[in-house]
PDB file of N, CA and C in Angstrom:
ATOM      1  N   MET A   1       0.819  -1.174   0.014  1.00  0.00           N
ATOM      2  CA  MET A   1      -0.004  -0.041   0.013  1.00  0.00           C
ATOM      3  C   MET A   1       0.890   1.225  -0.019  1.00  0.00           C
ATOM      4  N   LEU A   2       0.488   2.230  -0.774  1.00  0.00           N
ATOM      5  CA  LEU A   2       1.207   3.460  -0.866  1.00  0.00           C
ATOM      6  C   LEU A   2       0.299   4.635  -0.577  1.00  0.00           C
ATOM      7  N   TYR A   3       0.796   5.712   0.084  1.00  0.00           N
ATOM      8  CA  TYR A   3       0.127   6.978   0.175  1.00  0.00           C
ATOM      9  C   TYR A   3       0.668   7.842  -0.913  1.00  0.00           C
ATOM     10  N   CYS A   4      -0.168   8.389  -1.756  1.00  0.00           N
ATOM     11  CA  CYS A   4       0.237   9.216  -2.868  1.00  0.00           C
ATOM     12  C   CYS A   4      -0.475  10.611  -2.772  1.00  0.00           C
ATOM     13  N   MET A   5       0.296  11.658  -2.931  1.00  0.00           N
ATOM     14  CA  MET A   5      -0.276  12.985  -2.849  1.00  0.00           C
ATOM     15  C   MET A   5      -0.005  13.796  -4.083  1.00  0.00           C
ATOM     16  N   SER A   6      -1.070  14.418  -4.670  1.00  0.00           N
ATOM     17  CA  SER A   6      -0.899  15.172  -5.871  1.00  0.00           C
ATOM     18  C   SER A   6      -0.125  16.447  -5.547  1.00  0.00           C
ATOM     19  N   GLU A   7       0.667  16.867  -6.492  1.00  0.00           N
ATOM     20  CA  GLU A   7       1.548  18.072  -6.324  1.00  0.00           C
ATOM     21  C   GLU A   7       0.748  19.324  -6.226  1.00  0.00           C
ATOM     22  N   LYS A   8      -0.266  19.515  -7.034  1.00  0.00           N
ATOM     23  CA  LYS A   8      -0.988  20.828  -7.136  1.00  0.00           C
ATOM     24  C   LYS A   8      -2.270  20.882  -6.362  1.00  0.00           C
ATOM     25  N   ALA A   9      -3.031  19.787  -6.314  1.00  0.00           N
ATOM     26  CA  ALA A   9      -4.382  19.803  -5.756  1.00  0.00           C
ATOM     27  C   ALA A   9      -4.446  19.428  -4.267  1.00  0.00           C
ATOM     28  N   GLY A  10      -3.430  18.668  -3.811  1.00  0.00           N
ATOM     29  CA  GLY A  10      -3.447  18.186  -2.446  1.00  0.00           C
ATOM     30  C   GLY A  10      -4.398  17.029  -2.175  1.00  0.00           C
ATOM     31  N   ASN A  11      -4.703  16.267  -3.230  1.00  0.00           N
ATOM     32  CA  ASN A  11      -5.460  15.019  -3.107  1.00  0.00           C
ATOM     33  C   ASN A  11      -4.519  13.987  -2.604  1.00  0.00           C
ATOM     34  N   VAL A  12      -4.988  13.188  -1.640  1.00  0.00           N
ATOM     35  CA  VAL A  12      -4.219  12.112  -1.078  1.00  0.00           C
ATOM     36  C   VAL A  12      -4.940  10.842  -1.288  1.00  0.00           C
ATOM     37  N   SER A  13      -4.230   9.842  -1.849  1.00  0.00           N
ATOM     38  CA  SER A  13      -4.871   8.574  -2.135  1.00  0.00           C
ATOM     39  C   SER A  13      -4.096   7.410  -1.429  1.00  0.00           C
ATOM     40  N   LEU A  14      -4.797   6.430  -0.961  1.00  0.00           N
ATOM     41  CA  LEU A  14      -4.190   5.183  -0.558  1.00  0.00           C
ATOM     42  C   LEU A  14      -4.323   4.217  -1.698  1.00  0.00           C
ATOM     43  N   VAL A  15      -3.198   3.689  -2.143  1.00  0.00           N
ATOM     44  CA  VAL A  15      -3.185   2.960  -3.396  1.00  0.00           C
ATOM     45  C   VAL A  15      -2.627   1.522  -3.099  1.00  0.00           C
ATOM     46  N   LYS A  16      -3.311   0.542  -3.596  1.00  0.00           N
ATOM     47  CA  LYS A  16      -2.733  -0.814  -3.614  1.00  0.00           C
ATOM     48  C   LYS A  16      -2.030  -0.982  -4.935  1.00  0.00           C
ATOM     49  N   ALA A  17      -0.679  -1.139  -4.856  1.00  0.00           N
ATOM     50  CA  ALA A  17       0.153  -1.238  -6.023  1.00  0.00           C
ATOM     51  C   ALA A  17       0.488  -2.657  -6.277  1.00  0.00           C
ATOM     52  N   THR A  18       0.142  -3.198  -7.401  1.00  0.00           N
ATOM     53  CA  THR A  18       0.517  -4.554  -7.784  1.00  0.00           C
ATOM     54  C   THR A  18       1.065  -4.490  -9.261  1.00  0.00           C
ATOM     55  N   PRO A  19       1.767  -5.514  -9.669  1.00  0.00           N
ATOM     56  CA  PRO A  19       2.271  -5.506 -11.031  1.00  0.00           C
ATOM     57  C   PRO A  19       1.119  -5.494 -12.122  1.00  0.00           C
ATOM     58  N   GLU A  20      -0.023  -5.934 -11.706  1.00  0.00           N
ATOM     59  CA  GLU A  20      -1.212  -5.999 -12.674  1.00  0.00           C
ATOM     60  C   GLU A  20      -1.895  -4.666 -12.800  1.00  0.00           C
ATOM     61  N   ALA A  21      -2.005  -3.911 -11.682  1.00  0.00           N
ATOM     62  CA  ALA A  21      -2.899  -2.715 -11.818  1.00  0.00           C
ATOM     63  C   ALA A  21      -2.630  -1.703 -10.606  1.00  0.00           C
ATOM     64  N   TYR A  22      -3.069  -0.525 -10.861  1.00  0.00           N
ATOM     65  CA  TYR A  22      -3.134   0.513  -9.847  1.00  0.00           C
ATOM     66  C   TYR A  22      -4.563   0.495  -9.296  1.00  0.00           C
ATOM     67  N   GLU A  23      -4.762   0.268  -8.013  1.00  0.00           N
ATOM     68  CA  GLU A  23      -6.083   0.249  -7.415  1.00  0.00           C
ATOM     69  C   GLU A  23      -6.180   1.202  -6.250  1.00  0.00           C
ATOM     70  N   GLU A  24      -6.944   2.265  -6.514  1.00  0.00           N
ATOM     71  CA  GLU A  24      -7.135   3.238  -5.444  1.00  0.00           C
ATOM     72  C   GLU A  24      -8.156   2.729  -4.430  1.00  0.00           C
ATOM     73  N   VAL A  25      -7.696   2.652  -3.187  1.00  0.00           N
ATOM     74  CA  VAL A  25      -8.508   2.139  -2.101  1.00  0.00           C
ATOM     75  C   VAL A  25      -9.386   3.261  -1.460  1.00  0.00           C
ATOM     76  N   SER A  26      -8.720   4.434  -1.312  1.00  0.00           N
ATOM     77  CA  SER A  26      -9.505   5.546  -0.717  1.00  0.00           C
ATOM     78  C   SER A  26      -8.810   6.860  -1.093  1.00  0.00           C
ATOM     79  N   ARG A  27      -9.552   7.947  -0.865  1.00  0.00           N
ATOM     80  CA  ARG A  27      -8.944   9.300  -1.244  1.00  0.00           C
ATOM     81  C   ARG A  27      -9.576  10.350  -0.375  1.00  0.00           C
ATOM     82  N   PHE A  28      -8.795  11.418  -0.132  1.00  0.00           N
ATOM     83  CA  PHE A  28      -9.303  12.566   0.563  1.00  0.00           C
ATOM     84  C   PHE A  28      -8.512  13.784   0.113  1.00  0.00           C
ATOM     85  N   GLU A  29      -9.069  15.005   0.437  1.00  0.00           N
ATOM     86  CA  GLU A  29      -8.414  16.238   0.006  1.00  0.00           C
ATOM     87  C   GLU A  29      -7.964  17.004   1.258  1.00  0.00           C
ATOM     88  N   LEU A  30      -6.694  17.511   1.147  1.00  0.00           N
ATOM     89  CA  LEU A  30      -6.193  18.373   2.209  1.00  0.00           C
ATOM     90  C   LEU A  30      -6.836  19.759   2.151  1.00  0.00           C
ATOM     91  N   PRO A  31      -6.898  20.448   3.280  1.00  0.00           N
ATOM     92  CA  PRO A  31      -7.298  21.856   3.274  1.00  0.00           C
ATOM     93  C   PRO A  31      -6.376  22.687   2.325  1.00  0.00           C
ATOM     94  N   GLN A  32      -6.943  23.719   1.750  1.00  0.00           N
ATOM     95  CA  GLN A  32      -6.182  24.512   0.815  1.00  0.00           C
ATOM     96  C   GLN A  32      -5.426  25.707   1.552  1.00  0.00           C
ATOM     97  N   ASP A  33      -4.851  25.387   2.683  1.00  0.00           N
ATOM     98  CA  ASP A  33      -4.092  26.437   3.424  1.00  0.00           C
ATOM     99  C   ASP A  33      -2.738  26.659   2.761  1.00  0.00           C
ATOM    100  N   GLY A  34      -2.236  27.848   2.892  1.00  0.00           N
ATOM    101  CA  GLY A  34      -0.849  28.120   2.345  1.00  0.00           C
ATOM    102  C   GLY A  34      -0.848  28.332   0.857  1.00  0.00           C
ATOM    103  N   GLU A  35       0.342  28.558   0.337  1.00  0.00           N
ATOM    104  CA  GLU A  35       0.502  28.788  -1.094  1.00  0.00           C
ATOM    105  C   GLU A  35       1.534  27.836  -1.635  1.00  0.00           C
ATOM    106  N   GLY A  36       1.495  27.620  -2.959  1.00  0.00           N
ATOM    107  CA  GLY A  36       2.519  26.767  -3.570  1.00  0.00           C
ATOM    108  C   GLY A  36       2.031  25.354  -3.642  1.00  0.00           C
ATOM    109  N   ASN A  37       2.947  24.523  -4.197  1.00  0.00           N
ATOM    110  CA  ASN A  37       2.686  23.111  -4.468  1.00  0.00           C
ATOM    111  C   ASN A  37       2.914  22.275  -3.196  1.00  0.00           C
ATOM    112  N   PHE A  38       2.388  21.060  -3.234  1.00  0.00           N
ATOM    113  CA  PHE A  38       2.607  20.057  -2.223  1.00  0.00           C
ATOM    114  C   PHE A  38       3.833  19.236  -2.600  1.00  0.00           C
ATOM    115  N   TRP A  39       5.005  19.574  -2.095  1.00  0.00           N
ATOM    116  CA  TRP A  39       6.184  18.885  -2.575  1.00  0.00           C
ATOM    117  C   TRP A  39       6.799  17.952  -1.559  1.00  0.00           C
ATOM    118  N   ALA A  40       6.419  18.074  -0.260  1.00  0.00           N
ATOM    119  CA  ALA A  40       6.995  17.229   0.738  1.00  0.00           C
ATOM    120  C   ALA A  40       6.334  15.757   0.616  1.00  0.00           C
ATOM    121  N   HIS A  41       7.130  14.740   0.829  1.00  0.00           N
ATOM    122  CA  HIS A  41       6.663  13.426   0.728  1.00  0.00           C
ATOM    123  C   HIS A  41       5.787  13.023   1.975  1.00  0.00           C
ATOM    124  N   PRO A  42       4.726  12.249   1.769  1.00  0.00           N
ATOM    125  CA  PRO A  42       3.997  11.788   2.910  1.00  0.00           C
ATOM    126  C   PRO A  42       4.891  10.959   3.819  1.00  0.00           C
ATOM    127  N   VAL A  43       4.676  11.049   5.100  1.00  0.00           N
ATOM    128  CA  VAL A  43       5.505  10.342   6.084  1.00  0.00           C
ATOM    129  C   VAL A  43       4.558   9.538   6.985  1.00  0.00           C
ATOM    130  N   VAL A  44       4.865   8.280   7.245  1.00  0.00           N
ATOM    131  CA  VAL A  44       4.134   7.466   8.230  1.00  0.00           C
ATOM    132  C   VAL A  44       5.102   7.175   9.386  1.00  0.00           C
ATOM    133  N   CYS A  45       4.680   7.541  10.578  1.00  0.00           N
ATOM    134  CA  CYS A  45       5.474   7.258  11.779  1.00  0.00           C
ATOM    135  C   CYS A  45       4.453   6.732  12.793  1.00  0.00           C
ATOM    136  N   GLY A  46       4.773   5.546  13.304  1.00  0.00           N
ATOM    137  CA  GLY A  46       3.806   4.906  14.235  1.00  0.00           C
ATOM    138  C   GLY A  46       2.534   4.638  13.450  1.00  0.00           C
ATOM    139  N   GLN A  47       1.428   5.069  13.901  1.00  0.00           N
ATOM    140  CA  GLN A  47       0.163   4.934  13.199  1.00  0.00           C
ATOM    141  C   GLN A  47      -0.404   6.279  12.800  1.00  0.00           C
ATOM    142  N   LYS A  48       0.488   7.180  12.441  1.00  0.00           N
ATOM    143  CA  LYS A  48       0.128   8.555  12.038  1.00  0.00           C
ATOM    144  C   LYS A  48       0.641   8.827  10.651  1.00  0.00           C
ATOM    145  N   LEU A  49      -0.120   9.492   9.868  1.00  0.00           N
ATOM    146  CA  LEU A  49       0.320  10.018   8.493  1.00  0.00           C
ATOM    147  C   LEU A  49       0.531  11.510   8.615  1.00  0.00           C
ATOM    148  N   PHE A  50       1.692  11.930   8.271  1.00  0.00           N
ATOM    149  CA  PHE A  50       2.029  13.365   8.257  1.00  0.00           C
ATOM    150  C   PHE A  50       2.200  13.898   6.840  1.00  0.00           C
ATOM    151  N   LEU A  51       1.551  15.049   6.573  1.00  0.00           N
ATOM    152  CA  LEU A  51       1.577  15.657   5.297  1.00  0.00           C
ATOM    153  C   LEU A  51       1.935  17.140   5.520  1.00  0.00           C
ATOM    154  N   ARG A  52       2.678  17.738   4.590  1.00  0.00           N
ATOM    155  CA  ARG A  52       3.094  19.107   4.793  1.00  0.00           C
ATOM    156  C   ARG A  52       2.841  19.895   3.494  1.00  0.00           C
ATOM    157  N   ARG A  53       2.465  21.175   3.669  1.00  0.00           N
ATOM    158  CA  ARG A  53       2.396  22.170   2.589  1.00  0.00           C
ATOM    159  C   ARG A  53       2.848  23.511   3.251  1.00  0.00           C
ATOM    160  N   ALA A  54       3.859  24.112   2.616  1.00  0.00           N
ATOM    161  CA  ALA A  54       4.437  25.339   3.141  1.00  0.00           C
ATOM    162  C   ALA A  54       4.635  25.259   4.622  1.00  0.00           C
ATOM    163  N   MET A  55       4.078  26.139   5.468  1.00  0.00           N
ATOM    164  CA  MET A  55       4.241  26.132   6.909  1.00  0.00           C
ATOM    165  C   MET A  55       3.230  25.241   7.666  1.00  0.00           C
ATOM    166  N   TYR A  56       2.332  24.574   6.982  1.00  0.00           N
ATOM    167  CA  TYR A  56       1.325  23.747   7.624  1.00  0.00           C
ATOM    168  C   TYR A  56       1.701  22.271   7.568  1.00  0.00           C
ATOM    169  N   VAL A  57       1.467  21.576   8.737  1.00  0.00           N
ATOM    170  CA  VAL A  57       1.641  20.180   8.861  1.00  0.00           C
ATOM    171  C   VAL A  57       0.350  19.603   9.263  1.00  0.00           C
ATOM    172  N   TYR A  58      -0.089  18.537   8.575  1.00  0.00           N
ATOM    173  CA  TYR A  58      -1.356  17.843   8.872  1.00  0.00           C
ATOM    174  C   TYR A  58      -1.030  16.426   9.389  1.00  0.00           C
ATOM    175  N   CYS A  59      -1.718  16.013  10.376  1.00  0.00           N
ATOM    176  CA  CYS A  59      -1.466  14.678  10.991  1.00  0.00           C
ATOM    177  C   CYS A  59      -2.795  13.902  11.043  1.00  0.00           C
ATOM    178  N   TYR A  60      -2.777  12.673  10.473  1.00  0.00           N
ATOM    179  CA  TYR A  60      -3.959  11.849  10.413  1.00  0.00           C
ATOM    180  C   TYR A  60      -3.716  10.539  11.127  1.00  0.00           C
ATOM    181  N   ASP A  61      -4.633  10.039  11.919  1.00  0.00           N
ATOM    182  CA  ASP A  61      -4.553   8.751  12.551  1.00  0.00           C
ATOM    183  C   ASP A  61      -4.953   7.704  11.554  1.00  0.00           C
ATOM    184  N   ILE A  62      -4.017   6.793  11.224  1.00  0.00           N
ATOM    185  CA  ILE A  62      -4.299   5.742  10.274  1.00  0.00           C
ATOM    186  C   ILE A  62      -4.367   4.367  10.876  1.00  0.00           C
ATOM    187  N   ALA A  63      -4.545   4.328  12.200  1.00  0.00           N
ATOM    188  CA  ALA A  63      -4.640   3.036  12.927  1.00  0.00           C
ATOM    189  C   ALA A  63      -5.910   2.288  12.396  1.00  0.00           C
ATOM    190  N   GLU A  64      -5.786   0.991  12.303  1.00  0.00           N
ATOM    191  CA  GLU A  64      -6.870   0.202  11.795  1.00  0.00           C
ATOM    192  C   GLU A  64      -7.925   0.022  12.866  1.00  0.00           C
TER     193      GLU A  64
END
């Protein structure tokens, strides 16, 4: 499973990546705070997903 974030829109997807296909499992959109592109890589630490844009950091609980 991969967390993928679009550079311009701030859409975040959870993707099941296999050799056969790209399968999007879920998707959500980040708040449109700040300016510029979303260039920081998504980070998972413990059971938290961290996403950054400009001076804003978003934290999501991804525990099952």
